[in-house]
C-alpha atoms as a PDB file:
ATOM      1  CA  UNK A   1      39.684  23.504  76.649  1.00  0.00           C
ATOM      2  CA  UNK A   2      42.188  22.812  73.874  1.00  0.00           C
ATOM      3  CA  UNK A   3      44.336  25.642  72.582  1.00  0.00           C
ATOM      4  CA  UNK A   4      43.451  26.763  69.045  1.00  0.00           C
ATOM      5  CA  UNK A   5      46.342  26.119  66.614  1.00  0.00           C
ATOM      6  CA  UNK A   6      48.112  29.208  65.317  1.00  0.00           C
ATOM      7  CA  UNK A   7      47.521  30.556  61.819  1.00  0.00           C
ATOM      8  CA  UNK A   8      50.873  29.120  60.739  1.00  0.00           C
ATOM      9  CA  UNK A   9      50.080  25.695  62.207  1.00  0.00           C
ATOM     10  CA  UNK A  10      46.756  25.660  60.379  1.00  0.00           C
ATOM     11  CA  UNK A  11      48.469  26.662  57.121  1.00  0.00           C
ATOM     12  CA  UNK A  12      50.955  23.830  57.593  1.00  0.00           C
ATOM     13  CA  UNK A  13      48.117  21.370  58.201  1.00  0.00           C
ATOM     14  CA  UNK A  14      46.323  22.609  55.074  1.00  0.00           C
ATOM     15  CA  UNK A  15      49.496  22.202  53.014  1.00  0.00           C
ATOM     16  CA  UNK A  16      49.908  18.659  54.323  1.00  0.00           C
ATOM     17  CA  UNK A  17      46.333  17.840  53.291  1.00  0.00           C
ATOM     18  CA  UNK A  18      46.918  19.295  49.818  1.00  0.00           C
ATOM     19  CA  UNK A  19      50.086  17.215  49.442  1.00  0.00           C
ATOM     20  CA  UNK A  20      48.281  14.029  50.504  1.00  0.00           C
ATOM     21  CA  UNK A  21      45.458  14.676  48.050  1.00  0.00           C
ATOM     22  CA  UNK A  22      47.893  15.427  45.224  1.00  0.00           C
ATOM     23  CA  UNK A  23      49.763  12.172  45.793  1.00  0.00           C
ATOM     24  CA  UNK A  24      46.561  10.273  45.043  1.00  0.00           C
ATOM     25  CA  UNK A  25      47.247   7.397  47.454  1.00  0.00           C
ATOM     26  CA  UNK A  26      44.084   7.869  49.529  1.00  0.00           C
ATOM     27  CA  UNK A  27      40.834   5.994  49.108  1.00  0.00           C
ATOM     28  CA  UNK A  28      37.807   7.908  47.889  1.00  0.00           C
ATOM     29  CA  UNK A  29      36.384   8.108  51.418  1.00  0.00           C
ATOM     30  CA  UNK A  30      39.716   9.284  52.862  1.00  0.00           C
ATOM     31  CA  UNK A  31      40.057  11.831  50.064  1.00  0.00           C
ATOM     32  CA  UNK A  32      36.591  13.227  50.733  1.00  0.00           C
ATOM     33  CA  UNK A  33      37.294  13.490  54.470  1.00  0.00           C
ATOM     34  CA  UNK A  34      40.622  15.216  53.839  1.00  0.00           C
ATOM     35  CA  UNK A  35      39.029  17.560  51.302  1.00  0.00           C
ATOM     36  CA  UNK A  36      36.300  18.487  53.798  1.00  0.00           C
ATOM     37  CA  UNK A  37      38.890  19.153  56.509  1.00  0.00           C
ATOM     38  CA  UNK A  38      40.964  21.191  54.059  1.00  0.00           C
ATOM     39  CA  UNK A  39      37.990  23.323  53.051  1.00  0.00           C
ATOM     40  CA  UNK A  40      37.124  23.980  56.701  1.00  0.00           C
ATOM     41  CA  UNK A  41      40.726  25.017  57.350  1.00  0.00           C
ATOM     42  CA  UNK A  42      40.834  27.216  54.242  1.00  0.00           C
ATOM     43  CA  UNK A  43      37.591  28.969  55.190  1.00  0.00           C
ATOM     44  CA  UNK A  44      38.806  29.547  58.748  1.00  0.00           C
ATOM     45  CA  UNK A  45      42.131  30.895  57.492  1.00  0.00           C
ATOM     46  CA  UNK A  46      40.340  33.221  55.073  1.00  0.00           C
ATOM     47  CA  UNK A  47      38.272  34.626  57.956  1.00  0.00           C
ATOM     48  CA  UNK A  48      41.427  35.155  60.015  1.00  0.00           C
ATOM     49  CA  UNK A  49      43.021  37.055  57.128  1.00  0.00           C
ATOM     50  CA  UNK A  50      39.935  39.222  56.678  1.00  0.00           C
ATOM     51  CA  UNK A  51      39.939  40.016  60.406  1.00  0.00           C
ATOM     52  CA  UNK A  52      43.631  40.904  60.257  1.00  0.00           C
ATOM     53  CA  UNK A  53      43.044  43.181  57.242  1.00  0.00           C
ATOM     54  CA  UNK A  54      40.173  44.899  59.050  1.00  0.00           C
ATOM     55  CA  UNK A  55      42.357  45.389  62.132  1.00  0.00           C
ATOM     56  CA  UNK A  56      45.172  46.901  60.078  1.00  0.00           C
ATOM     57  CA  UNK A  57      42.723  49.162  58.246  1.00  0.00           C
ATOM     58  CA  UNK A  58      41.252  50.288  61.571  1.00  0.00           C
ATOM     59  CA  UNK A  59      44.704  50.982  63.016  1.00  0.00           C
ATOM     60  CA  UNK A  60      45.734  52.911  59.914  1.00  0.00           C
ATOM     61  CA  UNK A  61      42.498  54.909  60.042  1.00  0.00           C
ATOM     62  CA  UNK A  62      43.117  55.697  63.722  1.00  0.00           C
ATOM     63  CA  UNK A  63      46.544  56.973  62.703  1.00  0.00           C
ATOM     64  CA  UNK A  64      44.858  59.607  60.544  1.00  0.00           C
ATOM     65  CA  UNK A  65      45.666  58.035  57.195  1.00  0.00           C
ATOM     66  CA  UNK A  66      42.898  57.166  54.792  1.00  0.00           C
ATOM     67  CA  UNK A  67      42.953  53.514  53.823  1.00  0.00           C
ATOM     68  CA  UNK A  68      41.096  51.343  51.376  1.00  0.00           C
ATOM     69  CA  UNK A  69      38.312  49.288  52.934  1.00  0.00           C
ATOM     70  CA  UNK A  70      39.368  45.629  52.480  1.00  0.00           C
ATOM     71  CA  UNK A  71      35.720  44.565  52.583  1.00  0.00           C
ATOM     72  CA  UNK A  72      34.756  46.892  49.721  1.00  0.00           C
ATOM     73  CA  UNK A  73      34.064  44.609  46.767  1.00  0.00           C
ATOM     74  CA  UNK A  74      34.388  47.528  44.346  1.00  0.00           C
ATOM     75  CA  UNK A  75      38.152  47.269  44.829  1.00  0.00           C
ATOM     76  CA  UNK A  76      38.183  43.536  44.108  1.00  0.00           C
ATOM     77  CA  UNK A  77      40.118  42.611  40.978  1.00  0.00           C
ATOM     78  CA  UNK A  78      39.064  38.978  41.278  1.00  0.00           C
ATOM     79  CA  UNK A  79      42.413  37.719  42.528  1.00  0.00           C
ATOM     80  CA  UNK A  80      41.608  37.948  46.235  1.00  0.00           C
ATOM     81  CA  UNK A  81      40.653  34.315  46.656  1.00  0.00           C
ATOM     82  CA  UNK A  82      43.669  32.876  44.893  1.00  0.00           C
ATOM     83  CA  UNK A  83      46.148  34.108  47.461  1.00  0.00           C
ATOM     84  CA  UNK A  84      47.995  36.426  45.094  1.00  0.00           C
ATOM     85  CA  UNK A  85      47.624  39.638  43.192  1.00  0.00           C
ATOM     86  CA  UNK A  86      48.297  39.738  39.486  1.00  0.00           C
ATOM     87  CA  UNK A  87      51.305  41.711  38.366  1.00  0.00           C
ATOM     88  CA  UNK A  88      48.880  43.426  35.998  1.00  0.00           C
ATOM     89  CA  UNK A  89      46.399  44.549  38.677  1.00  0.00           C
ATOM     90  CA  UNK A  90      45.661  48.211  38.429  1.00  0.00           C
ATOM     91  CA  UNK A  91      47.660  48.685  35.256  1.00  0.00           C
ATOM     92  CA  UNK A  92      46.125  50.367  32.277  1.00  0.00           C
ATOM     93  CA  UNK A  93      45.913  53.633  30.477  1.00  0.00           C
ATOM     94  CA  UNK A  94      45.864  56.746  32.584  1.00  0.00           C
ATOM     95  CA  UNK A  95      43.069  59.246  32.052  1.00  0.00           C
ATOM     96  CA  UNK A  96      43.779  61.348  29.016  1.00  0.00           C
ATOM     97  CA  UNK A  97      45.963  58.785  27.318  1.00  0.00           C
ATOM     98  CA  UNK A  98      44.938  57.488  23.935  1.00  0.00           C
ATOM     99  CA  UNK A  99      43.723  53.930  24.221  1.00  0.00           C
ATOM    100  CA  UNK A 100      43.535  53.473  20.454  1.00  0.00           C
ATOM    101  CA  UNK A 101      46.616  51.364  19.949  1.00  0.00           C
ATOM    102  CA  UNK A 102      47.683  50.124  16.521  1.00  0.00           C
ATOM    103  CA  UNK A 103      48.542  46.449  16.821  1.00  0.00           C
ATOM    104  CA  UNK A 104      49.407  45.849  13.183  1.00  0.00           C
END
């Protein structure tokens, strides 16, 4: 049985596929095959990240600290699938602050 590549190896393979697709030197058939492989890798990597987040949350919970459930969609600001969090996430007016702002 072949050893499963590490997360980092899979990320490297995905990056290589992205680079090849961006160069535009592949035929349509090759591009479609590479895209399919890339999507399979991306989906597998996403699952690995979700499992890691769940493990960390479980370990933190076992340590007696309350943690946010990473699978709770109510905490989703929409940036979770882009691989980054906006610098503006969670920013806004605090309760009790006046949100009537004069712009002009």
